[in-house]
Amino acid sequence: MDVEDIVEQVVRGYDLALNFSTLPTWVDAMETFEYLDDFEDLDDEELIETLARLAGYPYENFKEVWEGLSDKEREEALGEIEYRIVVLGFKELLKGIATDFYIMENKEMREKIIDVAKRYVNGKIDLYNFAVELENILWPTEDDKKKYDEAVRDYWDGIGLTDYIEEDKVKEMVKEYLIEELEAVGKTSDLG
C-alpha cells in the first residue's frame, strides 16, 4: 500500500463514518481535522489507531503499513487526508444550502444566494463578506440568529474549513453549488 492507497482508504472510511455522525458533516470535518492536526508525532499510537479505524483495517495491519512509509510519506499522507476531509466538509455545507427545500422553493432567497455567490466568485467581495452576507440571507433577523443559534455556529464551523482550502478551489465549489445548482433549480418549472 502506498501513500495514495492509504489516503483513499482513510477518506473513504471517513466518508462512510459520516453516515453515523450526529453532527452536520462540516462540523464533524472541522473537529476531525483539528483532532488529526494536533498530532505532532506521526508514530503516535492514537493517531495510527484512528487512521486504522477510519480505513477499516485491523490496528496491527495498518500499523505495519504506516510504519513502512518514510516520515515524509506519512506527513504527506496525513496532510492529504486532512485536506480531503476539509474539502468534503465544505462541499457538504454548500450542498446542504443548495438542496435545502425551503431555499429551493423560495425564488427570492435563491436569487440573493446566487447574487452574493457570483460577487464572491468574480472577486467583487472577499470570502468573509461573502460568508456574512450569506449568513444574513439564511438567517435574516437577529431573532432568526438567536432561534437557530446552533445552526449559525455550525455554519461558521463550515466556513472555517476554507482556512485550509485554496481560494480557487473554494470559489470553484461556491460556483458549482451556490450558482450552477441553484440556477438549475430556477429553471425547473414546478419550483418558484
C-alpha atoms as a PDB file:
ATOM      1  CA  MET A   1       0.000   0.000   0.000  1.00  0.00           C
ATOM      2  CA  ASP A   2       1.400   3.393  -0.954  1.00  0.00           C
ATOM      3  CA  VAL A   3       0.528   6.906   0.253  1.00  0.00           C
ATOM      4  CA  GLU A   4      -2.315   7.306  -2.252  1.00  0.00           C
ATOM      5  CA  ASP A   5      -3.869   3.960  -1.245  1.00  0.00           C
ATOM      6  CA  ILE A   6      -3.752   4.907   2.438  1.00  0.00           C
ATOM      7  CA  VAL A   7      -5.310   8.308   1.752  1.00  0.00           C
ATOM      8  CA  GLU A   8      -8.079   6.705  -0.344  1.00  0.00           C
ATOM      9  CA  GLN A   9      -8.855   4.067   2.284  1.00  0.00           C
ATOM     10  CA  VAL A  10      -8.956   6.527   5.186  1.00  0.00           C
ATOM     11  CA  VAL A  11     -11.005   9.177   3.348  1.00  0.00           C
ATOM     12  CA  ARG A  12     -13.453   6.571   2.006  1.00  0.00           C
ATOM     13  CA  GLY A  13     -13.836   5.194   5.531  1.00  0.00           C
ATOM     14  CA  TYR A  14     -14.317   8.685   6.932  1.00  0.00           C
ATOM     15  CA  ASP A  15     -16.981   9.404   4.317  1.00  0.00           C
ATOM     16  CA  LEU A  16     -18.827   6.210   5.331  1.00  0.00           C
ATOM     17  CA  ALA A  17     -18.477   7.023   9.037  1.00  0.00           C
ATOM     18  CA  LEU A  18     -20.223  10.344   8.423  1.00  0.00           C
ATOM     19  CA  ASN A  19     -23.452   8.386   7.912  1.00  0.00           C
ATOM     20  CA  PHE A  20     -23.371   7.616  11.634  1.00  0.00           C
ATOM     21  CA  SER A  21     -22.298  11.042  12.882  1.00  0.00           C
ATOM     22  CA  THR A  22     -24.794  13.060  14.880  1.00  0.00           C
ATOM     23  CA  LEU A  23     -23.091  16.267  13.745  1.00  0.00           C
ATOM     24  CA  PRO A  24     -23.503  18.125  10.467  1.00  0.00           C
ATOM     25  CA  THR A  25     -20.779  16.928   8.078  1.00  0.00           C
ATOM     26  CA  TRP A  26     -18.970  20.292   8.079  1.00  0.00           C
ATOM     27  CA  VAL A  27     -18.825  20.358  11.886  1.00  0.00           C
ATOM     28  CA  ASP A  28     -17.577  16.771  12.003  1.00  0.00           C
ATOM     29  CA  ALA A  29     -14.982  17.635   9.328  1.00  0.00           C
ATOM     30  CA  MET A  30     -13.682  20.592  11.364  1.00  0.00           C
ATOM     31  CA  GLU A  31     -13.480  18.517  14.552  1.00  0.00           C
ATOM     32  CA  THR A  32     -11.771  15.625  12.750  1.00  0.00           C
ATOM     33  CA  PHE A  33      -9.314  17.972  11.042  1.00  0.00           C
ATOM     34  CA  GLU A  34      -8.433  19.672  14.347  1.00  0.00           C
ATOM     35  CA  TYR A  35      -8.033  16.287  16.061  1.00  0.00           C
ATOM     36  CA  LEU A  36      -5.717  14.930  13.357  1.00  0.00           C
ATOM     37  CA  ASP A  37      -3.811  18.205  13.046  1.00  0.00           C
ATOM     38  CA  ASP A  38      -2.949  18.161  16.762  1.00  0.00           C
ATOM     39  CA  PHE A  39      -0.729  15.095  16.366  1.00  0.00           C
ATOM     40  CA  GLU A  40       2.924  16.091  16.264  1.00  0.00           C
ATOM     41  CA  ASP A  41       4.258  12.546  16.450  1.00  0.00           C
ATOM     42  CA  LEU A  42       3.317  10.594  13.333  1.00  0.00           C
ATOM     43  CA  ASP A  43       4.090   7.367  15.235  1.00  0.00           C
ATOM     44  CA  ASP A  44       1.550   8.179  17.953  1.00  0.00           C
ATOM     45  CA  GLU A  45      -0.447   5.026  18.750  1.00  0.00           C
ATOM     46  CA  GLU A  46      -3.712   7.012  18.970  1.00  0.00           C
ATOM     47  CA  LEU A  47      -3.151   8.518  15.515  1.00  0.00           C
ATOM     48  CA  ILE A  48      -2.417   5.122  13.996  1.00  0.00           C
ATOM     49  CA  GLU A  49      -5.450   3.616  15.746  1.00  0.00           C
ATOM     50  CA  THR A  50      -7.707   6.433  14.455  1.00  0.00           C
ATOM     51  CA  LEU A  51      -6.459   6.087  10.878  1.00  0.00           C
ATOM     52  CA  ALA A  52      -6.756   2.291  11.031  1.00  0.00           C
ATOM     53  CA  ARG A  53     -10.334   2.532  12.295  1.00  0.00           C
ATOM     54  CA  LEU A  54     -11.279   5.006   9.559  1.00  0.00           C
ATOM     55  CA  ALA A  55      -9.605   2.867   6.894  1.00  0.00           C
ATOM     56  CA  GLY A  56     -11.389  -0.239   8.188  1.00  0.00           C
ATOM     57  CA  TYR A  57      -8.141  -2.112   8.864  1.00  0.00           C
ATOM     58  CA  PRO A  58      -7.085  -4.053  11.941  1.00  0.00           C
ATOM     59  CA  TYR A  59      -4.720  -1.919  14.002  1.00  0.00           C
ATOM     60  CA  GLU A  60      -1.679  -4.211  13.647  1.00  0.00           C
ATOM     61  CA  ASN A  61      -2.068  -4.476   9.849  1.00  0.00           C
ATOM     62  CA  PHE A  62      -2.441  -0.730   9.425  1.00  0.00           C
ATOM     63  CA  LYS A  63       0.440  -0.017  11.810  1.00  0.00           C
ATOM     64  CA  GLU A  64       2.709  -2.257   9.736  1.00  0.00           C
ATOM     65  CA  VAL A  65       1.774  -0.413   6.533  1.00  0.00           C
ATOM     66  CA  TRP A  66       2.041   3.019   8.220  1.00  0.00           C
ATOM     67  CA  GLU A  67       5.469   2.220   9.680  1.00  0.00           C
ATOM     68  CA  GLY A  68       6.590   1.045   6.230  1.00  0.00           C
ATOM     69  CA  LEU A  69       6.248   4.612   4.977  1.00  0.00           C
ATOM     70  CA  SER A  70       9.025   7.159   5.348  1.00  0.00           C
ATOM     71  CA  ASP A  71       8.465  10.145   7.643  1.00  0.00           C
ATOM     72  CA  LYS A  72       7.968  12.312   4.575  1.00  0.00           C
ATOM     73  CA  GLU A  73       5.380   9.893   3.142  1.00  0.00           C
ATOM     74  CA  ARG A  74       3.494   9.756   6.473  1.00  0.00           C
ATOM     75  CA  GLU A  75       3.470  13.542   6.645  1.00  0.00           C
ATOM     76  CA  GLU A  76       2.236  13.709   3.040  1.00  0.00           C
ATOM     77  CA  ALA A  77      -0.478  11.108   3.713  1.00  0.00           C
ATOM     78  CA  LEU A  78      -1.760  12.827   6.863  1.00  0.00           C
ATOM     79  CA  GLY A  79      -1.730  16.228   5.150  1.00  0.00           C
ATOM     80  CA  GLU A  80      -3.717  14.899   2.185  1.00  0.00           C
ATOM     81  CA  ILE A  81      -6.197  13.119   4.499  1.00  0.00           C
ATOM     82  CA  GLU A  82      -6.751  16.358   6.435  1.00  0.00           C
ATOM     83  CA  TYR A  83      -7.146  18.348   3.215  1.00  0.00           C
ATOM     84  CA  ARG A  84      -9.641  15.939   1.687  1.00  0.00           C
ATOM     85  CA  ILE A  85     -11.683  15.915   4.898  1.00  0.00           C
ATOM     86  CA  VAL A  86     -11.967  19.721   4.985  1.00  0.00           C
ATOM     87  CA  VAL A  87     -12.874  19.847   1.283  1.00  0.00           C
ATOM     88  CA  LEU A  88     -15.540  17.201   1.854  1.00  0.00           C
ATOM     89  CA  GLY A  89     -16.928  19.148   4.816  1.00  0.00           C
ATOM     90  CA  PHE A  90     -17.103  22.469   2.965  1.00  0.00           C
ATOM     91  CA  LYS A  91     -18.640  20.835  -0.095  1.00  0.00           C
ATOM     92  CA  GLU A  92     -21.338  19.295   2.102  1.00  0.00           C
ATOM     93  CA  LEU A  93     -22.091  22.694   3.665  1.00  0.00           C
ATOM     94  CA  LEU A  94     -22.650  24.177   0.203  1.00  0.00           C
ATOM     95  CA  LYS A  95     -24.660  21.156  -0.961  1.00  0.00           C
ATOM     96  CA  GLY A  96     -26.773  21.425   2.176  1.00  0.00           C
ATOM     97  CA  ILE A  97     -27.627  25.014   1.309  1.00  0.00           C
ATOM     98  CA  ALA A  98     -28.238  24.269  -2.378  1.00  0.00           C
ATOM     99  CA  THR A  99     -30.551  21.326  -1.657  1.00  0.00           C
ATOM    100  CA  ASP A 100     -32.466  22.863   1.239  1.00  0.00           C
ATOM    101  CA  PHE A 101     -36.137  22.518   0.317  1.00  0.00           C
ATOM    102  CA  TYR A 102     -37.072  25.960   1.644  1.00  0.00           C
ATOM    103  CA  ILE A 103     -34.331  27.584  -0.438  1.00  0.00           C
ATOM    104  CA  MET A 104     -35.268  25.533  -3.498  1.00  0.00           C
ATOM    105  CA  GLU A 105     -38.862  26.726  -3.207  1.00  0.00           C
ATOM    106  CA  ASN A 106     -38.030  30.366  -2.455  1.00  0.00           C
ATOM    107  CA  LYS A 107     -37.067  32.177  -5.672  1.00  0.00           C
ATOM    108  CA  GLU A 108     -36.126  35.443  -3.951  1.00  0.00           C
ATOM    109  CA  MET A 109     -33.837  33.684  -1.499  1.00  0.00           C
ATOM    110  CA  ARG A 110     -32.223  31.625  -4.284  1.00  0.00           C
ATOM    111  CA  GLU A 111     -31.583  34.787  -6.291  1.00  0.00           C
ATOM    112  CA  LYS A 112     -29.969  36.506  -3.298  1.00  0.00           C
ATOM    113  CA  ILE A 113     -27.702  33.499  -2.709  1.00  0.00           C
ATOM    114  CA  ILE A 114     -26.771  33.331  -6.401  1.00  0.00           C
ATOM    115  CA  ASP A 115     -26.024  37.072  -6.415  1.00  0.00           C
ATOM    116  CA  VAL A 116     -23.728  37.003  -3.375  1.00  0.00           C
ATOM    117  CA  ALA A 117     -22.020  33.846  -4.693  1.00  0.00           C
ATOM    118  CA  LYS A 118     -21.384  35.487  -8.076  1.00  0.00           C
ATOM    119  CA  ARG A 119     -19.974  38.601  -6.431  1.00  0.00           C
ATOM    120  CA  TYR A 120     -17.583  36.425  -4.415  1.00  0.00           C
ATOM    121  CA  VAL A 121     -16.551  34.214  -7.346  1.00  0.00           C
ATOM    122  CA  ASN A 122     -15.979  37.314  -9.524  1.00  0.00           C
ATOM    123  CA  GLY A 123     -13.787  38.951  -6.862  1.00  0.00           C
ATOM    124  CA  LYS A 124     -16.153  41.821  -6.043  1.00  0.00           C
ATOM    125  CA  ILE A 125     -16.283  40.786  -2.359  1.00  0.00           C
ATOM    126  CA  ASP A 126     -13.922  38.723  -0.231  1.00  0.00           C
ATOM    127  CA  LEU A 127     -14.675  35.411   1.450  1.00  0.00           C
ATOM    128  CA  TYR A 128     -15.508  36.972   4.820  1.00  0.00           C
ATOM    129  CA  ASN A 129     -18.046  39.397   3.346  1.00  0.00           C
ATOM    130  CA  PHE A 130     -19.497  36.570   1.251  1.00  0.00           C
ATOM    131  CA  ALA A 131     -19.925  34.469   4.404  1.00  0.00           C
ATOM    132  CA  VAL A 132     -21.509  37.325   6.382  1.00  0.00           C
ATOM    133  CA  GLU A 133     -23.917  38.168   3.544  1.00  0.00           C
ATOM    134  CA  LEU A 134     -24.816  34.504   3.109  1.00  0.00           C
ATOM    135  CA  GLU A 135     -25.472  34.214   6.855  1.00  0.00           C
ATOM    136  CA  ASN A 136     -27.772  37.229   6.640  1.00  0.00           C
ATOM    137  CA  ILE A 137     -29.700  35.624   3.775  1.00  0.00           C
ATOM    138  CA  LEU A 138     -30.083  32.323   5.617  1.00  0.00           C
ATOM    139  CA  TRP A 139     -30.928  33.945   8.970  1.00  0.00           C
ATOM    140  CA  PRO A 140     -32.100  37.475   8.091  1.00  0.00           C
ATOM    141  CA  THR A 141     -33.107  38.761  11.535  1.00  0.00           C
ATOM    142  CA  GLU A 142     -31.486  38.805  14.954  1.00  0.00           C
ATOM    143  CA  ASP A 143     -34.418  36.692  16.163  1.00  0.00           C
ATOM    144  CA  ASP A 144     -33.593  34.089  13.486  1.00  0.00           C
ATOM    145  CA  LYS A 145     -29.957  34.097  14.576  1.00  0.00           C
ATOM    146  CA  LYS A 146     -30.958  33.594  18.225  1.00  0.00           C
ATOM    147  CA  LYS A 147     -33.578  30.963  17.436  1.00  0.00           C
ATOM    148  CA  TYR A 148     -31.156  28.997  15.232  1.00  0.00           C
ATOM    149  CA  ASP A 149     -28.021  29.780  17.238  1.00  0.00           C
ATOM    150  CA  GLU A 150     -26.604  26.265  16.921  1.00  0.00           C
ATOM    151  CA  ALA A 151     -27.155  26.192  13.144  1.00  0.00           C
ATOM    152  CA  VAL A 152     -25.416  29.574  12.827  1.00  0.00           C
ATOM    153  CA  ARG A 153     -22.437  28.311  14.869  1.00  0.00           C
ATOM    154  CA  ASP A 154     -22.316  25.150  12.746  1.00  0.00           C
ATOM    155  CA  TYR A 155     -22.420  27.298   9.594  1.00  0.00           C
ATOM    156  CA  TRP A 156     -19.368  29.237  10.773  1.00  0.00           C
ATOM    157  CA  ASP A 157     -17.535  25.966  11.519  1.00  0.00           C
ATOM    158  CA  GLY A 158     -18.188  25.040   7.895  1.00  0.00           C
ATOM    159  CA  ILE A 159     -16.972  28.417   6.678  1.00  0.00           C
ATOM    160  CA  GLY A 160     -13.889  27.969   8.868  1.00  0.00           C
ATOM    161  CA  LEU A 161     -12.886  24.966   6.773  1.00  0.00           C
ATOM    162  CA  THR A 162     -11.983  27.397   3.983  1.00  0.00           C
ATOM    163  CA  ASP A 163      -8.917  28.413   6.010  1.00  0.00           C
ATOM    164  CA  TYR A 164      -7.376  25.128   4.808  1.00  0.00           C
ATOM    165  CA  ILE A 165      -8.513  25.165   1.168  1.00  0.00           C
ATOM    166  CA  GLU A 166      -7.015  27.199  -1.685  1.00  0.00           C
ATOM    167  CA  GLU A 167      -9.257  30.134  -2.588  1.00  0.00           C
ATOM    168  CA  ASP A 168      -9.551  28.995  -6.219  1.00  0.00           C
ATOM    169  CA  LYS A 169     -10.946  25.660  -5.005  1.00  0.00           C
ATOM    170  CA  VAL A 170     -13.354  27.450  -2.637  1.00  0.00           C
ATOM    171  CA  LYS A 171     -14.594  29.628  -5.498  1.00  0.00           C
ATOM    172  CA  GLU A 172     -14.948  26.586  -7.755  1.00  0.00           C
ATOM    173  CA  MET A 173     -17.157  24.854  -5.171  1.00  0.00           C
ATOM    174  CA  VAL A 174     -19.210  28.003  -4.499  1.00  0.00           C
ATOM    175  CA  LYS A 175     -19.763  28.345  -8.251  1.00  0.00           C
ATOM    176  CA  GLU A 176     -20.811  24.709  -8.628  1.00  0.00           C
ATOM    177  CA  TYR A 177     -23.220  24.535  -5.692  1.00  0.00           C
ATOM    178  CA  LEU A 178     -24.471  28.048  -4.998  1.00  0.00           C
ATOM    179  CA  ILE A 179     -24.589  29.333  -8.563  1.00  0.00           C
ATOM    180  CA  GLU A 180     -24.953  26.448 -11.014  1.00  0.00           C
ATOM    181  CA  GLU A 181     -27.084  24.200  -8.797  1.00  0.00           C
ATOM    182  CA  LEU A 182     -29.400  26.997  -7.675  1.00  0.00           C
ATOM    183  CA  GLU A 183     -29.717  28.397 -11.207  1.00  0.00           C
ATOM    184  CA  ALA A 184     -30.687  24.898 -12.373  1.00  0.00           C
ATOM    185  CA  VAL A 185     -33.406  24.810  -9.700  1.00  0.00           C
ATOM    186  CA  GLY A 186     -34.776  28.104 -11.052  1.00  0.00           C
ATOM    187  CA  LYS A 187     -35.083  26.519 -14.495  1.00  0.00           C
ATOM    188  CA  THR A 188     -37.211  23.696 -13.116  1.00  0.00           C
ATOM    189  CA  SER A 189     -40.788  24.578 -13.973  1.00  0.00           C
ATOM    190  CA  ASP A 190     -42.501  23.262 -10.859  1.00  0.00           C
ATOM    191  CA  LEU A 191     -40.398  25.309  -8.409  1.00  0.00           C
ATOM    192  CA  GLY A 192     -40.538  29.072  -7.920  1.00  0.00           C
END
